[in-house]
Amino acid sequence: MSFLDAREHGSKVGSGGHASAQNEAIDRRERLRRLALETIDLSKDPYFMRNHLGQYECRLCLTLHNNEGNYLAHTQGKRHQQNMAKRAAREAVDKPAQPQPQRRAAVKKTVKIGRPGYRVTKQYDPEADQRSLLFQIEYPEIDDGEKPRHRFMSAYEQKKEAWDKAYQYLLFAAEPYEVVAFKVPNMEVDRTDRFFSHWDADSKVYSLQLPFKAHQQRITPPSGGGTGDSTIPQGRDGPPAPPPGMAGPPPTAPNGFAPPPPPMQPPNAGGPPGAPPPWA
């Protein structure tokens, strides 16, 4: 640009001419690149790569860029953003399901004030032939809004005594009292209406009735005139009984075969030698 052209465009004497549109675009891109480099660290971009030709590549979109500013402008474009969204969706589908971390419940720390008072009553129902235990636990200083709870514990869960499968433990708990346990027989519990628990908020007494199932009845022999030797009923697994007035079959030998017949006597048995037979 000559001096006259510069004066016609309004430039001052001694200064450079007006920048062209191309120079303004270059300056704008350089300014944006410097601003982007201040906020974006390309060393941490997993898709940014510089090849052996000195060019910059986007490994996600497989595009080439001459400078860092061009690459940064590409990362803000629509194509790059869509490819990133597709890749994130594909990784979310292919990613195996991981178990959720277990959340530990906050342990409530309270000051224990001792063991509660209790009464245990043994009960027996002669009509049902059933035994039961009635537990009455007193909690006069129980916390407001608290309700006593109970649970059964196997002998193998506790570490105070030697393991004995013939017994189990019944535990009662309520804040701020200590947990109390009762050693009861390890019998099957009757879970019908006889098993119940009740909390009396007025008297602060927790009651629980623990019934055990009744024992099985003993099998008695059938009544009749049979003797103790007749263990096999006649007509089912043994020979049928003979009709009245007739002799029964001969006894069998120990090996299961019939006894041999008696030996036959000669025709002249019982007579003098040489005499003819009686029917001759």
C-alpha atoms as a PDB file:
ATOM      1  CA  MET A   1       0.000   0.000   0.000  1.00  0.00           C
ATOM      2  CA  SER A   2       1.411   3.325  -1.012  1.00  0.00           C
ATOM      3  CA  PHE A   3       1.547   6.459   1.048  1.00  0.00           C
ATOM      4  CA  LEU A   4      -1.285   8.018  -0.908  1.00  0.00           C
ATOM      5  CA  ASP A   5      -3.486   4.977  -0.496  1.00  0.00           C
ATOM      6  CA  ALA A   6      -2.867   5.057   3.241  1.00  0.00           C
ATOM      7  CA  ARG A   7      -3.850   8.697   3.436  1.00  0.00           C
ATOM      8  CA  GLU A   8      -7.024   8.015   1.463  1.00  0.00           C
ATOM      9  CA  HIS A   9      -8.024   5.331   3.994  1.00  0.00           C
ATOM     10  CA  GLY A  10      -7.558   7.723   6.879  1.00  0.00           C
ATOM     11  CA  SER A  11      -4.310   6.395   8.310  1.00  0.00           C
ATOM     12  CA  LYS A  12      -1.962   8.739  10.069  1.00  0.00           C
ATOM     13  CA  VAL A  13       1.349   9.806   8.661  1.00  0.00           C
ATOM     14  CA  GLY A  14       4.113   7.404   9.715  1.00  0.00           C
ATOM     15  CA  SER A  15       1.754   4.592  10.806  1.00  0.00           C
ATOM     16  CA  GLY A  16       1.022   1.303   9.069  1.00  0.00           C
ATOM     17  CA  GLY A  17      -1.927   0.775   6.841  1.00  0.00           C
ATOM     18  CA  HIS A  18      -5.245  -0.771   7.817  1.00  0.00           C
ATOM     19  CA  ALA A  19      -5.211  -4.536   8.416  1.00  0.00           C
ATOM     20  CA  SER A  20      -6.936  -6.620   5.826  1.00  0.00           C
ATOM     21  CA  ALA A  21      -9.720  -9.121   6.598  1.00  0.00           C
ATOM     22  CA  GLN A  22      -7.236 -11.973   6.376  1.00  0.00           C
ATOM     23  CA  ASN A  23      -4.902 -10.381   8.889  1.00  0.00           C
ATOM     24  CA  GLU A  24      -7.800  -9.704  11.244  1.00  0.00           C
ATOM     25  CA  ALA A  25      -8.897 -13.347  11.056  1.00  0.00           C
ATOM     26  CA  ILE A  26      -5.371 -14.549  11.818  1.00  0.00           C
ATOM     27  CA  ASP A  27      -5.099 -12.196  14.758  1.00  0.00           C
ATOM     28  CA  ARG A  28      -8.493 -13.277  16.084  1.00  0.00           C
ATOM     29  CA  ARG A  29      -7.601 -16.971  15.884  1.00  0.00           C
ATOM     30  CA  GLU A  30      -4.313 -16.373  17.648  1.00  0.00           C
ATOM     31  CA  ARG A  31      -6.028 -14.445  20.396  1.00  0.00           C
ATOM     32  CA  LEU A  32      -8.628 -17.195  20.861  1.00  0.00           C
ATOM     33  CA  ARG A  33      -5.873 -19.827  20.915  1.00  0.00           C
ATOM     34  CA  ARG A  34      -4.054 -18.056  23.719  1.00  0.00           C
ATOM     35  CA  LEU A  35      -7.281 -17.726  25.695  1.00  0.00           C
ATOM     36  CA  ALA A  36      -8.107 -21.388  25.164  1.00  0.00           C
ATOM     37  CA  LEU A  37      -4.656 -22.521  26.218  1.00  0.00           C
ATOM     38  CA  GLU A  38      -5.073 -20.632  29.465  1.00  0.00           C
ATOM     39  CA  THR A  39      -8.224 -22.620  30.333  1.00  0.00           C
ATOM     40  CA  ILE A  40      -7.696 -25.947  28.505  1.00  0.00           C
ATOM     41  CA  ASP A  41      -4.703 -28.221  29.046  1.00  0.00           C
ATOM     42  CA  LEU A  42      -4.102 -30.162  25.847  1.00  0.00           C
ATOM     43  CA  SER A  43      -1.724 -32.543  27.614  1.00  0.00           C
ATOM     44  CA  LYS A  44      -4.730 -33.992  29.459  1.00  0.00           C
ATOM     45  CA  ASP A  45      -6.900 -34.334  26.349  1.00  0.00           C
ATOM     46  CA  PRO A  46      -7.092 -38.086  25.497  1.00  0.00           C
ATOM     47  CA  TYR A  47      -7.953 -37.377  21.830  1.00  0.00           C
ATOM     48  CA  PHE A  48      -5.159 -34.869  21.108  1.00  0.00           C
ATOM     49  CA  MET A  49      -2.129 -36.268  19.270  1.00  0.00           C
ATOM     50  CA  ARG A  50       0.746 -34.774  17.285  1.00  0.00           C
ATOM     51  CA  ASN A  51       1.992 -36.895  14.403  1.00  0.00           C
ATOM     52  CA  HIS A  52       5.447 -37.145  12.818  1.00  0.00           C
ATOM     53  CA  LEU A  53       4.586 -34.420  10.280  1.00  0.00           C
ATOM     54  CA  GLY A  54       4.016 -31.811  12.938  1.00  0.00           C
ATOM     55  CA  GLN A  55       0.275 -31.803  12.463  1.00  0.00           C
ATOM     56  CA  TYR A  56      -2.331 -32.288  15.139  1.00  0.00           C
ATOM     57  CA  GLU A  57      -4.828 -35.138  15.003  1.00  0.00           C
ATOM     58  CA  CYS A  58      -8.122 -35.767  16.725  1.00  0.00           C
ATOM     59  CA  ARG A  59      -8.173 -39.486  17.450  1.00  0.00           C
ATOM     60  CA  LEU A  60     -11.912 -39.412  18.070  1.00  0.00           C
ATOM     61  CA  CYS A  61     -12.970 -37.789  14.796  1.00  0.00           C
ATOM     62  CA  LEU A  62      -9.845 -38.760  12.773  1.00  0.00           C
ATOM     63  CA  THR A  63      -9.249 -35.205  11.569  1.00  0.00           C
ATOM     64  CA  LEU A  64      -5.989 -33.298  10.877  1.00  0.00           C
ATOM     65  CA  HIS A  65      -5.261 -29.749  12.077  1.00  0.00           C
ATOM     66  CA  ASN A  66      -2.361 -27.433  11.292  1.00  0.00           C
ATOM     67  CA  ASN A  67      -2.143 -25.734  14.682  1.00  0.00           C
ATOM     68  CA  GLU A  68      -3.457 -25.964  18.204  1.00  0.00           C
ATOM     69  CA  GLY A  69      -5.991 -23.216  17.674  1.00  0.00           C
ATOM     70  CA  ASN A  70      -7.571 -25.105  14.835  1.00  0.00           C
ATOM     71  CA  TYR A  71      -7.786 -28.206  17.006  1.00  0.00           C
ATOM     72  CA  LEU A  72      -9.357 -26.252  19.865  1.00  0.00           C
ATOM     73  CA  ALA A  73     -11.919 -24.802  17.493  1.00  0.00           C
ATOM     74  CA  HIS A  74     -12.680 -28.334  16.316  1.00  0.00           C
ATOM     75  CA  THR A  75     -13.263 -29.566  19.867  1.00  0.00           C
ATOM     76  CA  GLN A  76     -15.957 -26.932  20.309  1.00  0.00           C
ATOM     77  CA  GLY A  77     -17.676 -27.906  17.076  1.00  0.00           C
ATOM     78  CA  LYS A  78     -20.808 -29.962  16.570  1.00  0.00           C
ATOM     79  CA  ARG A  79     -19.104 -33.005  15.066  1.00  0.00           C
ATOM     80  CA  HIS A  80     -16.690 -33.489  17.950  1.00  0.00           C
ATOM     81  CA  GLN A  81     -19.431 -33.036  20.557  1.00  0.00           C
ATOM     82  CA  GLN A  82     -21.692 -35.604  18.854  1.00  0.00           C
ATOM     83  CA  ASN A  83     -18.894 -38.164  18.674  1.00  0.00           C
ATOM     84  CA  MET A  84     -18.131 -37.682  22.350  1.00  0.00           C
ATOM     85  CA  ALA A  85     -21.817 -38.222  23.251  1.00  0.00           C
ATOM     86  CA  LYS A  86     -21.963 -41.420  21.153  1.00  0.00           C
ATOM     87  CA  ARG A  87     -18.792 -42.777  22.741  1.00  0.00           C
ATOM     88  CA  ALA A  88     -20.068 -42.066  26.260  1.00  0.00           C
ATOM     89  CA  ALA A  89     -23.362 -43.856  25.506  1.00  0.00           C
ATOM     90  CA  ARG A  90     -21.536 -46.891  24.078  1.00  0.00           C
ATOM     91  CA  GLU A  91     -19.223 -47.140  27.083  1.00  0.00           C
ATOM     92  CA  ALA A  92     -22.193 -46.922  29.436  1.00  0.00           C
ATOM     93  CA  VAL A  93     -23.831 -49.901  27.699  1.00  0.00           C
ATOM     94  CA  ASP A  94     -20.665 -52.008  27.522  1.00  0.00           C
ATOM     95  CA  LYS A  95     -19.624 -51.249  31.074  1.00  0.00           C
ATOM     96  CA  PRO A  96     -20.428 -54.191  33.385  1.00  0.00           C
ATOM     97  CA  ALA A  97     -22.819 -53.581  36.215  1.00  0.00           C
ATOM     98  CA  GLN A  98     -20.945 -52.950  39.431  1.00  0.00           C
ATOM     99  CA  PRO A  99     -22.434 -53.642  42.854  1.00  0.00           C
ATOM    100  CA  GLN A 100     -23.477 -50.602  44.753  1.00  0.00           C
ATOM    101  CA  PRO A 101     -21.299 -49.769  47.725  1.00  0.00           C
ATOM    102  CA  GLN A 102     -22.769 -50.903  50.988  1.00  0.00           C
ATOM    103  CA  ARG A 103     -23.798 -48.100  53.229  1.00  0.00           C
ATOM    104  CA  ARG A 104     -23.000 -48.688  56.830  1.00  0.00           C
ATOM    105  CA  ALA A 105     -25.675 -47.620  59.222  1.00  0.00           C
ATOM    106  CA  ALA A 106     -24.571 -45.156  61.833  1.00  0.00           C
ATOM    107  CA  VAL A 107     -24.040 -46.865  65.160  1.00  0.00           C
ATOM    108  CA  LYS A 108     -26.081 -45.237  67.874  1.00  0.00           C
ATOM    109  CA  LYS A 109     -23.937 -44.774  70.962  1.00  0.00           C
ATOM    110  CA  THR A 110     -25.821 -44.699  74.245  1.00  0.00           C
ATOM    111  CA  VAL A 111     -24.764 -45.060  77.845  1.00  0.00           C
ATOM    112  CA  LYS A 112     -25.992 -48.351  79.281  1.00  0.00           C
ATOM    113  CA  ILE A 113     -27.719 -48.127  82.670  1.00  0.00           C
ATOM    114  CA  GLY A 114     -27.720 -51.828  83.555  1.00  0.00           C
ATOM    115  CA  ARG A 115     -29.863 -54.908  83.163  1.00  0.00           C
ATOM    116  CA  PRO A 116     -33.656 -54.759  83.370  1.00  0.00           C
ATOM    117  CA  GLY A 117     -35.747 -56.681  85.859  1.00  0.00           C
ATOM    118  CA  TYR A 118     -37.453 -59.834  84.651  1.00  0.00           C
ATOM    119  CA  ARG A 119     -39.750 -62.669  85.676  1.00  0.00           C
ATOM    120  CA  VAL A 120     -39.899 -66.090  84.015  1.00  0.00           C
ATOM    121  CA  THR A 121     -42.926 -68.332  84.611  1.00  0.00           C
ATOM    122  CA  LYS A 122     -43.157 -71.991  83.601  1.00  0.00           C
ATOM    123  CA  GLN A 123     -46.589 -72.976  82.295  1.00  0.00           C
ATOM    124  CA  TYR A 124     -48.235 -76.289  81.425  1.00  0.00           C
ATOM    125  CA  ASP A 125     -51.505 -76.907  79.599  1.00  0.00           C
ATOM    126  CA  PRO A 126     -52.784 -80.399  80.535  1.00  0.00           C
ATOM    127  CA  GLU A 127     -55.487 -80.373  77.857  1.00  0.00           C
ATOM    128  CA  ALA A 128     -53.021 -79.790  75.012  1.00  0.00           C
ATOM    129  CA  ASP A 129     -50.118 -81.482  76.834  1.00  0.00           C
ATOM    130  CA  GLN A 130     -48.040 -78.406  76.008  1.00  0.00           C
ATOM    131  CA  ARG A 131     -45.389 -76.564  77.971  1.00  0.00           C
ATOM    132  CA  SER A 132     -44.549 -72.879  77.616  1.00  0.00           C
ATOM    133  CA  LEU A 133     -42.490 -70.088  79.174  1.00  0.00           C
ATOM    134  CA  LEU A 134     -43.774 -66.596  79.972  1.00  0.00           C
ATOM    135  CA  PHE A 135     -41.152 -63.821  80.027  1.00  0.00           C
ATOM    136  CA  GLN A 136     -41.929 -60.447  81.598  1.00  0.00           C
ATOM    137  CA  ILE A 137     -39.170 -57.843  81.200  1.00  0.00           C
ATOM    138  CA  GLU A 138     -39.415 -54.489  83.004  1.00  0.00           C
ATOM    139  CA  TYR A 139     -38.074 -51.342  81.303  1.00  0.00           C
ATOM    140  CA  PRO A 140     -39.048 -48.400  83.530  1.00  0.00           C
ATOM    141  CA  GLU A 141     -36.353 -46.060  82.116  1.00  0.00           C
ATOM    142  CA  ILE A 142     -36.749 -46.898  78.440  1.00  0.00           C
ATOM    143  CA  ASP A 143     -36.106 -44.091  75.933  1.00  0.00           C
ATOM    144  CA  ASP A 144     -39.055 -42.218  74.504  1.00  0.00           C
ATOM    145  CA  GLY A 145     -40.344 -43.767  71.315  1.00  0.00           C
ATOM    146  CA  GLU A 146     -38.403 -46.988  71.845  1.00  0.00           C
ATOM    147  CA  LYS A 147     -40.029 -50.424  71.822  1.00  0.00           C
ATOM    148  CA  PRO A 148     -38.343 -53.585  73.118  1.00  0.00           C
ATOM    149  CA  ARG A 149     -37.368 -56.219  70.605  1.00  0.00           C
ATOM    150  CA  HIS A 150     -36.513 -59.910  70.798  1.00  0.00           C
ATOM    151  CA  ARG A 151     -34.821 -62.507  68.631  1.00  0.00           C
ATOM    152  CA  PHE A 152     -33.655 -66.115  68.798  1.00  0.00           C
ATOM    153  CA  MET A 153     -29.957 -66.965  68.699  1.00  0.00           C
ATOM    154  CA  SER A 154     -28.361 -70.315  68.019  1.00  0.00           C
ATOM    155  CA  ALA A 155     -25.907 -71.806  70.470  1.00  0.00           C
ATOM    156  CA  TYR A 156     -23.217 -71.551  67.786  1.00  0.00           C
ATOM    157  CA  GLU A 157     -23.559 -67.746  67.557  1.00  0.00           C
ATOM    158  CA  GLN A 158     -22.632 -66.998  71.162  1.00  0.00           C
ATOM    159  CA  LYS A 159     -19.078 -67.062  72.547  1.00  0.00           C
ATOM    160  CA  LYS A 160     -19.765 -67.146  76.282  1.00  0.00           C
ATOM    161  CA  GLU A 161     -20.404 -70.855  76.785  1.00  0.00           C
ATOM    162  CA  ALA A 162     -19.521 -74.120  75.111  1.00  0.00           C
ATOM    163  CA  TRP A 163     -21.639 -75.029  72.105  1.00  0.00           C
ATOM    164  CA  ASP A 164     -24.586 -77.246  72.929  1.00  0.00           C
ATOM    165  CA  LYS A 165     -27.139 -77.957  70.222  1.00  0.00           C
ATOM    166  CA  ALA A 166     -29.710 -78.964  72.849  1.00  0.00           C
ATOM    167  CA  TYR A 167     -30.202 -75.293  73.821  1.00  0.00           C
ATOM    168  CA  GLN A 168     -30.882 -71.968  72.150  1.00  0.00           C
ATOM    169  CA  TYR A 169     -30.983 -68.382  73.414  1.00  0.00           C
ATOM    170  CA  LEU A 170     -33.778 -65.809  73.518  1.00  0.00           C
ATOM    171  CA  LEU A 171     -32.530 -62.202  73.537  1.00  0.00           C
ATOM    172  CA  PHE A 172     -34.341 -59.024  74.642  1.00  0.00           C
ATOM    173  CA  ALA A 173     -33.044 -55.528  73.854  1.00  0.00           C
ATOM    174  CA  ALA A 174     -34.195 -51.972  74.551  1.00  0.00           C
ATOM    175  CA  GLU A 175     -32.261 -48.727  74.900  1.00  0.00           C
ATOM    176  CA  PRO A 176     -30.613 -47.740  77.216  1.00  0.00           C
ATOM    177  CA  TYR A 177     -30.625 -51.150  78.953  1.00  0.00           C
ATOM    178  CA  GLU A 178     -28.187 -53.959  78.319  1.00  0.00           C
ATOM    179  CA  VAL A 179     -29.206 -56.949  76.231  1.00  0.00           C
ATOM    180  CA  VAL A 180     -30.397 -59.901  78.324  1.00  0.00           C
ATOM    181  CA  ALA A 181     -30.389 -63.499  77.073  1.00  0.00           C
ATOM    182  CA  PHE A 182     -32.212 -66.578  78.365  1.00  0.00           C
ATOM    183  CA  LYS A 183     -31.068 -70.134  77.718  1.00  0.00           C
ATOM    184  CA  VAL A 184     -34.067 -72.223  76.658  1.00  0.00           C
ATOM    185  CA  PRO A 185     -34.403 -75.764  75.258  1.00  0.00           C
ATOM    186  CA  ASN A 186     -33.801 -76.091  71.548  1.00  0.00           C
ATOM    187  CA  MET A 187     -37.275 -77.443  70.832  1.00  0.00           C
ATOM    188  CA  GLU A 188     -39.624 -76.565  68.001  1.00  0.00           C
ATOM    189  CA  VAL A 189     -41.632 -73.457  68.825  1.00  0.00           C
ATOM    190  CA  ASP A 190     -45.387 -73.424  68.315  1.00  0.00           C
ATOM    191  CA  ARG A 191     -45.951 -70.411  66.027  1.00  0.00           C
ATOM    192  CA  THR A 192     -49.733 -70.389  66.427  1.00  0.00           C
ATOM    193  CA  ASP A 193     -51.803 -67.923  68.462  1.00  0.00           C
ATOM    194  CA  ARG A 194     -50.192 -69.230  71.638  1.00  0.00           C
ATOM    195  CA  PHE A 195     -46.966 -67.469  70.678  1.00  0.00           C
ATOM    196  CA  PHE A 196     -47.407 -63.739  71.280  1.00  0.00           C
ATOM    197  CA  SER A 197     -45.593 -60.633  72.529  1.00  0.00           C
ATOM    198  CA  HIS A 198     -47.039 -57.468  74.061  1.00  0.00           C
ATOM    199  CA  TRP A 199     -45.558 -54.132  75.112  1.00  0.00           C
ATOM    200  CA  ASP A 200     -47.438 -52.282  77.845  1.00  0.00           C
ATOM    201  CA  ALA A 201     -46.390 -48.647  77.487  1.00  0.00           C
ATOM    202  CA  ASP A 202     -48.100 -47.676  80.762  1.00  0.00           C
ATOM    203  CA  SER A 203     -46.473 -50.219  83.060  1.00  0.00           C
ATOM    204  CA  LYS A 204     -43.290 -50.438  80.939  1.00  0.00           C
ATOM    205  CA  VAL A 205     -43.433 -54.248  80.870  1.00  0.00           C
ATOM    206  CA  TYR A 206     -42.666 -56.337  77.797  1.00  0.00           C
ATOM    207  CA  SER A 207     -44.313 -59.781  77.839  1.00  0.00           C
ATOM    208  CA  LEU A 208     -43.602 -62.742  75.579  1.00  0.00           C
ATOM    209  CA  GLN A 209     -45.069 -66.245  75.735  1.00  0.00           C
ATOM    210  CA  LEU A 210     -42.925 -68.996  74.235  1.00  0.00           C
ATOM    211  CA  PRO A 211     -44.889 -72.253  73.692  1.00  0.00           C
ATOM    212  CA  PHE A 212     -43.238 -75.469  72.601  1.00  0.00           C
ATOM    213  CA  LYS A 213     -44.935 -78.029  70.421  1.00  0.00           C
ATOM    214  CA  ALA A 214     -46.469 -80.975  72.266  1.00  0.00           C
ATOM    215  CA  HIS A 215     -44.658 -84.302  72.221  1.00  0.00           C
ATOM    216  CA  GLN A 216     -45.891 -86.992  69.842  1.00  0.00           C
ATOM    217  CA  GLN A 217     -48.269 -89.507  71.342  1.00  0.00           C
ATOM    218  CA  ARG A 218     -46.845 -92.959  72.003  1.00  0.00           C
ATOM    219  CA  ILE A 219     -48.148 -95.768  69.755  1.00  0.00           C
ATOM    220  CA  THR A 220     -50.044 -98.341  71.880  1.00  0.00           C
ATOM    221  CA  PRO A 221     -50.596-101.962  70.707  1.00  0.00           C
ATOM    222  CA  PRO A 222     -54.115-102.768  69.455  1.00  0.00           C
ATOM    223  CA  SER A 223     -56.470-104.275  72.023  1.00  0.00           C
ATOM    224  CA  GLY A 224     -57.643-107.918  71.539  1.00  0.00           C
ATOM    225  CA  GLY A 225     -57.047-111.541  72.646  1.00  0.00           C
ATOM    226  CA  GLY A 226     -53.896-112.082  70.656  1.00  0.00           C
ATOM    227  CA  THR A 227     -50.687-113.221  72.314  1.00  0.00           C
ATOM    228  CA  GLY A 228     -47.292-111.708  72.113  1.00  0.00           C
ATOM    229  CA  ASP A 229     -46.070-114.407  69.710  1.00  0.00           C
ATOM    230  CA  SER A 230     -48.552-113.540  66.983  1.00  0.00           C
ATOM    231  CA  THR A 231     -46.585-110.690  65.479  1.00  0.00           C
ATOM    232  CA  ILE A 232     -47.714-111.385  61.889  1.00  0.00           C
ATOM    233  CA  PRO A 233     -51.440-111.041  61.242  1.00  0.00           C
ATOM    234  CA  GLN A 234     -53.097-114.093  59.732  1.00  0.00           C
ATOM    235  CA  GLY A 235     -54.110-113.839  56.115  1.00  0.00           C
ATOM    236  CA  ARG A 236     -51.680-111.023  55.169  1.00  0.00           C
ATOM    237  CA  ASP A 237     -48.028-112.123  55.352  1.00  0.00           C
ATOM    238  CA  GLY A 238     -48.482-115.671  56.764  1.00  0.00           C
ATOM    239  CA  PRO A 239     -50.537-118.758  55.871  1.00  0.00           C
ATOM    240  CA  PRO A 240     -54.328-118.480  56.260  1.00  0.00           C
ATOM    241  CA  ALA A 241     -55.833-119.732  59.501  1.00  0.00           C
ATOM    242  CA  PRO A 242     -57.530-123.158  59.263  1.00  0.00           C
ATOM    243  CA  PRO A 243     -61.313-123.319  59.728  1.00  0.00           C
ATOM    244  CA  PRO A 244     -62.522-124.268  63.201  1.00  0.00           C
ATOM    245  CA  GLY A 245     -62.554-128.008  63.910  1.00  0.00           C
ATOM    246  CA  MET A 246     -59.743-128.884  61.490  1.00  0.00           C
ATOM    247  CA  ALA A 247     -56.078-129.413  62.200  1.00  0.00           C
ATOM    248  CA  GLY A 248     -53.639-126.978  60.796  1.00  0.00           C
ATOM    249  CA  PRO A 249     -50.966-127.786  58.223  1.00  0.00           C
ATOM    250  CA  PRO A 250     -47.888-129.665  59.413  1.00  0.00           C
ATOM    251  CA  PRO A 251     -45.034-127.523  60.622  1.00  0.00           C
ATOM    252  CA  THR A 252     -42.345-126.727  58.121  1.00  0.00           C
ATOM    253  CA  ALA A 253     -38.727-127.665  58.517  1.00  0.00           C
ATOM    254  CA  PRO A 254     -36.197-125.014  59.473  1.00  0.00           C
ATOM    255  CA  ASN A 255     -34.908-124.910  55.898  1.00  0.00           C
ATOM    256  CA  GLY A 256     -38.384-124.252  54.509  1.00  0.00           C
ATOM    257  CA  PHE A 257     -39.053-127.751  53.006  1.00  0.00           C
ATOM    258  CA  ALA A 258     -41.777-130.205  54.103  1.00  0.00           C
ATOM    259  CA  PRO A 259     -40.676-133.055  56.422  1.00  0.00           C
ATOM    260  CA  PRO A 260     -39.995-136.417  54.703  1.00  0.00           C
ATOM    261  CA  PRO A 261     -42.769-139.100  54.857  1.00  0.00           C
ATOM    262  CA  PRO A 262     -42.418-141.956  57.437  1.00  0.00           C
ATOM    263  CA  PRO A 263     -40.698-145.141  56.187  1.00  0.00           C
ATOM    264  CA  MET A 264     -43.047-147.881  54.817  1.00  0.00           C
ATOM    265  CA  GLN A 265     -43.156-151.222  56.692  1.00  0.00           C
ATOM    266  CA  PRO A 266     -43.022-154.588  54.811  1.00  0.00           C
ATOM    267  CA  PRO A 267     -46.366-156.411  54.256  1.00  0.00           C
ATOM    268  CA  ASN A 268     -45.712-159.154  56.811  1.00  0.00           C
ATOM    269  CA  ALA A 269     -44.519-156.756  59.452  1.00  0.00           C
ATOM    270  CA  GLY A 270     -45.744-157.918  62.838  1.00  0.00           C
ATOM    271  CA  GLY A 271     -46.446-161.646  61.807  1.00  0.00           C
ATOM    272  CA  PRO A 272     -44.410-164.871  62.140  1.00  0.00           C
ATOM    273  CA  PRO A 273     -41.756-165.425  59.503  1.00  0.00           C
ATOM    274  CA  GLY A 274     -43.021-167.280  56.455  1.00  0.00           C
ATOM    275  CA  ALA A 275     -46.682-166.492  57.147  1.00  0.00           C
ATOM    276  CA  PRO A 276     -48.711-165.143  54.233  1.00  0.00           C
ATOM    277  CA  PRO A 277     -49.751-161.542  54.245  1.00  0.00           C
ATOM    278  CA  PRO A 278     -53.093-160.742  55.868  1.00  0.00           C
ATOM    279  CA  TRP A 279     -54.844-159.905  52.575  1.00  0.00           C
ATOM    280  CA  ALA A 280     -53.586-163.031  50.799  1.00  0.00           C
END
